[in-house]
Amino acid sequence: MWVESQASHSRVQHYKVIDAALGVIERGTWHVADAVAEQPWLPNGPIPTQMTWSRERTPATHLHHHPS
């Protein structure tokens, strides 16, 4: 997971989920205020995120294990 620094005057932070074989597979945001409210250790679990893009999974992008 890659997280961008919060831009000035922005209320959200942007993230990317990156797979070593496939590249970026998801992009999204979360509200900084939600993260601040849950400090220091996210006692209530993960904060909500908003997925803004997801790589479409097609047969060509799936990794398959073929038994020997």
PDB file of N, CA and C in Angstrom:
ATOM      1  N   MET A   1       0.849  -1.155   0.000  1.00  0.00           N
ATOM      2  CA  MET A   1       0.000   0.000   0.000  1.00  0.00           C
ATOM      3  C   MET A   1       0.898   1.222   0.000  1.00  0.00           C
ATOM      4  N   TRP A   2       0.529   2.217  -0.790  1.00  0.00           N
ATOM      5  CA  TRP A   2       1.254   3.471  -0.889  1.00  0.00           C
ATOM      6  C   TRP A   2       0.289   4.587  -0.510  1.00  0.00           C
ATOM      7  N   VAL A   3       0.744   5.510   0.326  1.00  0.00           N
ATOM      8  CA  VAL A   3      -0.097   6.604   0.788  1.00  0.00           C
ATOM      9  C   VAL A   3       0.558   7.924   0.449  1.00  0.00           C
ATOM     10  N   GLU A   4      -0.204   8.794  -0.161  1.00  0.00           N
ATOM     11  CA  GLU A   4       0.265  10.124  -0.518  1.00  0.00           C
ATOM     12  C   GLU A   4       0.129  11.052   0.684  1.00  0.00           C
ATOM     13  N   SER A   5       1.043  11.986   0.830  1.00  0.00           N
ATOM     14  CA  SER A   5       0.921  12.993   1.891  1.00  0.00           C
ATOM     15  C   SER A   5      -0.335  13.815   1.665  1.00  0.00           C
ATOM     16  N   GLN A   6      -0.912  14.283   2.743  1.00  0.00           N
ATOM     17  CA  GLN A   6      -2.115  15.104   2.623  1.00  0.00           C
ATOM     18  C   GLN A   6      -1.753  16.418   1.953  1.00  0.00           C
ATOM     19  N   ALA A   7      -2.456  16.752   0.890  1.00  0.00           N
ATOM     20  CA  ALA A   7      -2.228  18.014   0.181  1.00  0.00           C
ATOM     21  C   ALA A   7      -2.797  19.174   1.002  1.00  0.00           C
ATOM     22  N   SER A   8      -2.190  20.345   0.874  1.00  0.00           N
ATOM     23  CA  SER A   8      -2.692  21.534   1.568  1.00  0.00           C
ATOM     24  C   SER A   8      -4.148  21.771   1.206  1.00  0.00           C
ATOM     25  N   HIS A   9      -4.929  22.115   2.190  1.00  0.00           N
ATOM     26  CA  HIS A   9      -6.342  22.457   2.028  1.00  0.00           C
ATOM     27  C   HIS A   9      -7.193  21.284   1.548  1.00  0.00           C
ATOM     28  N   SER A  10      -6.697  20.054   1.692  1.00  0.00           N
ATOM     29  CA  SER A  10      -7.464  18.873   1.324  1.00  0.00           C
ATOM     30  C   SER A  10      -7.918  18.157   2.576  1.00  0.00           C
ATOM     31  N   ARG A  11      -9.104  17.604   2.540  1.00  0.00           N
ATOM     32  CA  ARG A  11      -9.620  16.867   3.697  1.00  0.00           C
ATOM     33  C   ARG A  11      -9.425  15.364   3.564  1.00  0.00           C
ATOM     34  N   VAL A  12      -8.812  14.937   2.452  1.00  0.00           N
ATOM     35  CA  VAL A  12      -8.615  13.507   2.241  1.00  0.00           C
ATOM     36  C   VAL A  12      -7.154  13.199   1.948  1.00  0.00           C
ATOM     37  N   GLN A  13      -6.791  11.941   2.173  1.00  0.00           N
ATOM     38  CA  GLN A  13      -5.499  11.417   1.737  1.00  0.00           C
ATOM     39  C   GLN A  13      -5.778  10.367   0.675  1.00  0.00           C
ATOM     40  N   HIS A  14      -4.883  10.264  -0.294  1.00  0.00           N
ATOM     41  CA  HIS A  14      -5.027   9.306  -1.389  1.00  0.00           C
ATOM     42  C   HIS A  14      -4.142   8.100  -1.135  1.00  0.00           C
ATOM     43  N   TYR A  15      -4.619   6.934  -1.545  1.00  0.00           N
ATOM     44  CA  TYR A  15      -3.834   5.713  -1.405  1.00  0.00           C
ATOM     45  C   TYR A  15      -3.858   4.920  -2.708  1.00  0.00           C
ATOM     46  N   LYS A  16      -2.891   4.004  -2.827  1.00  0.00           N
ATOM     47  CA  LYS A  16      -2.853   3.032  -3.914  1.00  0.00           C
ATOM     48  C   LYS A  16      -2.499   1.683  -3.304  1.00  0.00           C
ATOM     49  N   VAL A  17      -3.147   0.638  -3.786  1.00  0.00           N
ATOM     50  CA  VAL A  17      -2.765  -0.725  -3.444  1.00  0.00           C
ATOM     51  C   VAL A  17      -2.008  -1.241  -4.665  1.00  0.00           C
ATOM     52  N   ILE A  18      -0.763  -1.677  -4.446  1.00  0.00           N
ATOM     53  CA  ILE A  18       0.103  -2.079  -5.550  1.00  0.00           C
ATOM     54  C   ILE A  18       0.490  -3.535  -5.383  1.00  0.00           C
ATOM     55  N   ASP A  19       0.271  -4.314  -6.427  1.00  0.00           N
ATOM     56  CA  ASP A  19       0.670  -5.723  -6.469  1.00  0.00           C
ATOM     57  C   ASP A  19       1.970  -5.801  -7.262  1.00  0.00           C
ATOM     58  N   ALA A  20       2.940  -6.523  -6.760  1.00  0.00           N
ATOM     59  CA  ALA A  20       4.244  -6.598  -7.423  1.00  0.00           C
ATOM     60  C   ALA A  20       4.143  -7.143  -8.844  1.00  0.00           C
ATOM     61  N   ALA A  21       3.232  -8.046  -9.098  1.00  0.00           N
ATOM     62  CA  ALA A  21       3.109  -8.639 -10.430  1.00  0.00           C
ATOM     63  C   ALA A  21       2.179  -7.844 -11.345  1.00  0.00           C
ATOM     64  N   LEU A  22       1.150  -7.229 -10.792  1.00  0.00           N
ATOM     65  CA  LEU A  22       0.125  -6.590 -11.611  1.00  0.00           C
ATOM     66  C   LEU A  22       0.205  -5.073 -11.660  1.00  0.00           C
ATOM     67  N   GLY A  23       0.921  -4.473 -10.736  1.00  0.00           N
ATOM     68  CA  GLY A  23       0.956  -3.010 -10.657  1.00  0.00           C
ATOM     69  C   GLY A  23      -0.163  -2.498  -9.766  1.00  0.00           C
ATOM     70  N   VAL A  24      -0.638  -1.302 -10.031  1.00  0.00           N
ATOM     71  CA  VAL A  24      -1.695  -0.698  -9.214  1.00  0.00           C
ATOM     72  C   VAL A  24      -2.988  -1.475  -9.439  1.00  0.00           C
ATOM     73  N   ILE A  25      -3.603  -1.925  -8.342  1.00  0.00           N
ATOM     74  CA  ILE A  25      -4.853  -2.666  -8.461  1.00  0.00           C
ATOM     75  C   ILE A  25      -6.033  -1.931  -7.832  1.00  0.00           C
ATOM     76  N   GLU A  26      -5.739  -0.874  -7.057  1.00  0.00           N
ATOM     77  CA  GLU A  26      -6.824  -0.095  -6.461  1.00  0.00           C
ATOM     78  C   GLU A  26      -6.307   1.279  -6.092  1.00  0.00           C
ATOM     79  N   ARG A  27      -7.177   2.279  -6.232  1.00  0.00           N
ATOM     80  CA  ARG A  27      -6.893   3.643  -5.774  1.00  0.00           C
ATOM     81  C   ARG A  27      -8.092   4.115  -4.974  1.00  0.00           C
ATOM     82  N   GLY A  28      -7.829   5.023  -4.030  1.00  0.00           N
ATOM     83  CA  GLY A  28      -8.929   5.545  -3.244  1.00  0.00           C
ATOM     84  C   GLY A  28      -8.486   6.646  -2.302  1.00  0.00           C
ATOM     85  N   THR A  29      -9.385   7.002  -1.394  1.00  0.00           N
ATOM     86  CA  THR A  29      -9.133   8.067  -0.423  1.00  0.00           C
ATOM     87  C   THR A  29      -9.722   7.677   0.927  1.00  0.00           C
ATOM     88  N   TRP A  30      -9.295   8.410   1.940  1.00  0.00           N
ATOM     89  CA  TRP A  30      -9.974   8.387   3.233  1.00  0.00           C
ATOM     90  C   TRP A  30      -9.953   9.795   3.783  1.00  0.00           C
ATOM     91  N   HIS A  31     -10.907  10.090   4.674  1.00  0.00           N
ATOM     92  CA  HIS A  31     -10.987  11.408   5.299  1.00  0.00           C
ATOM     93  C   HIS A  31      -9.972  11.487   6.435  1.00  0.00           C
ATOM     94  N   VAL A  32      -9.154  12.499   6.405  1.00  0.00           N
ATOM     95  CA  VAL A  32      -8.109  12.677   7.416  1.00  0.00           C
ATOM     96  C   VAL A  32      -8.729  12.792   8.809  1.00  0.00           C
ATOM     97  N   ALA A  33      -9.857  13.464   8.932  1.00  0.00           N
ATOM     98  CA  ALA A  33     -10.512  13.624  10.238  1.00  0.00           C
ATOM     99  C   ALA A  33     -10.865  12.268  10.847  1.00  0.00           C
ATOM    100  N   ASP A  34     -11.241  11.290  10.015  1.00  0.00           N
ATOM    101  CA  ASP A  34     -11.543   9.948  10.531  1.00  0.00           C
ATOM    102  C   ASP A  34     -10.294   9.307  11.127  1.00  0.00           C
ATOM    103  N   ALA A  35      -9.156   9.487  10.459  1.00  0.00           N
ATOM    104  CA  ALA A  35      -7.899   8.927  10.964  1.00  0.00           C
ATOM    105  C   ALA A  35      -7.473   9.618  12.261  1.00  0.00           C
ATOM    106  N   VAL A  36      -7.616  10.912  12.314  1.00  0.00           N
ATOM    107  CA  VAL A  36      -7.230  11.673  13.509  1.00  0.00           C
ATOM    108  C   VAL A  36      -8.104  11.270  14.698  1.00  0.00           C
ATOM    109  N   ALA A  37      -9.390  11.083  14.463  1.00  0.00           N
ATOM    110  CA  ALA A  37     -10.311  10.723  15.552  1.00  0.00           C
ATOM    111  C   ALA A  37      -9.994   9.353  16.144  1.00  0.00           C
ATOM    112  N   GLU A  38      -9.369   8.481  15.384  1.00  0.00           N
ATOM    113  CA  GLU A  38      -9.070   7.125  15.842  1.00  0.00           C
ATOM    114  C   GLU A  38      -7.653   6.959  16.369  1.00  0.00           C
ATOM    115  N   GLN A  39      -6.914   8.039  16.529  1.00  0.00           N
ATOM    116  CA  GLN A  39      -5.541   7.947  17.016  1.00  0.00           C
ATOM    117  C   GLN A  39      -5.534   7.575  18.485  1.00  0.00           C
ATOM    118  N   PRO A  40      -4.524   6.913  18.976  1.00  0.00           N
ATOM    119  CA  PRO A  40      -3.307   6.572  18.277  1.00  0.00           C
ATOM    120  C   PRO A  40      -3.323   5.194  17.623  1.00  0.00           C
ATOM    121  N   TRP A  41      -4.209   4.286  18.002  1.00  0.00           N
ATOM    122  CA  TRP A  41      -4.070   2.903  17.533  1.00  0.00           C
ATOM    123  C   TRP A  41      -5.313   2.327  16.882  1.00  0.00           C
ATOM    124  N   LEU A  42      -6.169   3.133  16.306  1.00  0.00           N
ATOM    125  CA  LEU A  42      -7.391   2.643  15.652  1.00  0.00           C
ATOM    126  C   LEU A  42      -8.161   1.659  16.542  1.00  0.00           C
ATOM    127  N   PRO A  43      -8.579   2.091  17.762  1.00  0.00           N
ATOM    128  CA  PRO A  43      -9.223   1.170  18.701  1.00  0.00           C
ATOM    129  C   PRO A  43     -10.531   0.580  18.184  1.00  0.00           C
ATOM    130  N   ASN A  44     -11.175   1.230  17.226  1.00  0.00           N
ATOM    131  CA  ASN A  44     -12.451   0.745  16.688  1.00  0.00           C
ATOM    132  C   ASN A  44     -12.288   0.037  15.353  1.00  0.00           C
ATOM    133  N   GLY A  45     -11.059  -0.270  14.984  1.00  0.00           N
ATOM    134  CA  GLY A  45     -10.822  -0.947  13.719  1.00  0.00           C
ATOM    135  C   GLY A  45     -10.503   0.029  12.608  1.00  0.00           C
ATOM    136  N   PRO A  46     -10.451  -0.477  11.380  1.00  0.00           N
ATOM    137  CA  PRO A  46     -10.076   0.368  10.241  1.00  0.00           C
ATOM    138  C   PRO A  46     -11.051   1.522  10.022  1.00  0.00           C
ATOM    139  N   ILE A  47     -10.525   2.616   9.493  1.00  0.00           N
ATOM    140  CA  ILE A  47     -11.383   3.749   9.149  1.00  0.00           C
ATOM    141  C   ILE A  47     -11.986   3.515   7.763  1.00  0.00           C
ATOM    142  N   PRO A  48     -13.118   4.160   7.463  1.00  0.00           N
ATOM    143  CA  PRO A  48     -13.733   3.979   6.145  1.00  0.00           C
ATOM    144  C   PRO A  48     -12.852   4.545   5.029  1.00  0.00           C
ATOM    145  N   THR A  49     -12.839   3.855   3.911  1.00  0.00           N
ATOM    146  CA  THR A  49     -12.136   4.336   2.721  1.00  0.00           C
ATOM    147  C   THR A  49     -13.130   4.419   1.574  1.00  0.00           C
ATOM    148  N   GLN A  50     -12.791   5.217   0.579  1.00  0.00           N
ATOM    149  CA  GLN A  50     -13.613   5.343  -0.620  1.00  0.00           C
ATOM    150  C   GLN A  50     -12.773   4.904  -1.808  1.00  0.00           C
ATOM    151  N   MET A  51     -13.079   3.746  -2.376  1.00  0.00           N
ATOM    152  CA  MET A  51     -12.352   3.288  -3.548  1.00  0.00           C
ATOM    153  C   MET A  51     -12.789   4.131  -4.745  1.00  0.00           C
ATOM    154  N   THR A  52     -11.810   4.692  -5.452  1.00  0.00           N
ATOM    155  CA  THR A  52     -12.115   5.523  -6.615  1.00  0.00           C
ATOM    156  C   THR A  52     -11.803   4.831  -7.931  1.00  0.00           C
ATOM    157  N   TRP A  53     -11.000   3.771  -7.872  1.00  0.00           N
ATOM    158  CA  TRP A  53     -10.644   3.020  -9.075  1.00  0.00           C
ATOM    159  C   TRP A  53     -10.184   1.635  -8.673  1.00  0.00           C
ATOM    160  N   SER A  54     -10.518   0.649  -9.495  1.00  0.00           N
ATOM    161  CA  SER A  54     -10.059  -0.716  -9.263  1.00  0.00           C
ATOM    162  C   SER A  54      -9.743  -1.360 -10.604  1.00  0.00           C
ATOM    163  N   ARG A  55      -8.650  -2.071 -10.662  1.00  0.00           N
ATOM    164  CA  ARG A  55      -8.263  -2.771 -11.889  1.00  0.00           C
ATOM    165  C   ARG A  55      -9.285  -3.859 -12.174  1.00  0.00           C
ATOM    166  N   GLU A  56      -9.769  -3.901 -13.390  1.00  0.00           N
ATOM    167  CA  GLU A  56     -10.702  -4.956 -13.774  1.00  0.00           C
ATOM    168  C   GLU A  56      -9.952  -6.269 -13.841  1.00  0.00           C
ATOM    169  N   ARG A  57     -10.558  -7.274 -13.313  1.00  0.00           N
ATOM    170  CA  ARG A  57      -9.934  -8.590 -13.348  1.00  0.00           C
ATOM    171  C   ARG A  57     -10.472  -9.341 -14.566  1.00  0.00           C
ATOM    172  N   THR A  58      -9.577  -9.631 -15.458  1.00  0.00           N
ATOM    173  CA  THR A  58      -9.908 -10.417 -16.635  1.00  0.00           C
ATOM    174  C   THR A  58      -9.100 -11.704 -16.575  1.00  0.00           C
ATOM    175  N   PRO A  59      -9.455 -12.703 -17.353  1.00  0.00           N
ATOM    176  CA  PRO A  59      -8.675 -13.951 -17.315  1.00  0.00           C
ATOM    177  C   PRO A  59      -7.181 -13.723 -17.531  1.00  0.00           C
ATOM    178  N   ALA A  60      -6.806 -12.729 -18.323  1.00  0.00           N
ATOM    179  CA  ALA A  60      -5.393 -12.484 -18.598  1.00  0.00           C
ATOM    180  C   ALA A  60      -4.653 -11.928 -17.384  1.00  0.00           C
ATOM    181  N   THR A  61      -5.367 -11.335 -16.424  1.00  0.00           N
ATOM    182  CA  THR A  61      -4.692 -10.724 -15.276  1.00  0.00           C
ATOM    183  C   THR A  61      -4.682 -11.615 -14.056  1.00  0.00           C
ATOM    184  N   HIS A  62      -5.394 -12.733 -14.074  1.00  0.00           N
ATOM    185  CA  HIS A  62      -5.388 -13.625 -12.921  1.00  0.00           C
ATOM    186  C   HIS A  62      -4.127 -14.476 -12.933  1.00  0.00           C
ATOM    187  N   LEU A  63      -3.594 -14.698 -11.763  1.00  0.00           N
ATOM    188  CA  LEU A  63      -2.448 -15.589 -11.617  1.00  0.00           C
ATOM    189  C   LEU A  63      -2.987 -16.956 -11.210  1.00  0.00           C
ATOM    190  N   HIS A  64      -2.603 -17.983 -11.920  1.00  0.00           N
ATOM    191  CA  HIS A  64      -3.087 -19.326 -11.640  1.00  0.00           C
ATOM    192  C   HIS A  64      -1.938 -20.212 -11.226  1.00  0.00           C
ATOM    193  N   HIS A  65      -2.219 -21.093 -10.291  1.00  0.00           N
ATOM    194  CA  HIS A  65      -1.244 -22.101  -9.892  1.00  0.00           C
ATOM    195  C   HIS A  65      -1.596 -23.383 -10.626  1.00  0.00           C
ATOM    196  N   HIS A  66      -0.657 -23.900 -11.389  1.00  0.00           N
ATOM    197  CA  HIS A  66      -0.869 -25.150 -12.112  1.00  0.00           C
ATOM    198  C   HIS A  66      -0.091 -26.255 -11.420  1.00  0.00           C
ATOM    199  N   PRO A  67      -0.807 -27.261 -10.893  1.00  0.00           N
ATOM    200  CA  PRO A  67      -0.107 -28.369 -10.219  1.00  0.00           C
ATOM    201  C   PRO A  67       0.816 -29.106 -11.178  1.00  0.00           C
ATOM    202  N   SER A  68       1.895 -29.603 -10.670  1.00  0.00           N
ATOM    203  CA  SER A  68       2.866 -30.349 -11.498  1.00  0.00           C
ATOM    204  C   SER A  68       2.389 -31.756 -11.738  1.00  0.00           C
TER     205      SER A  68
END
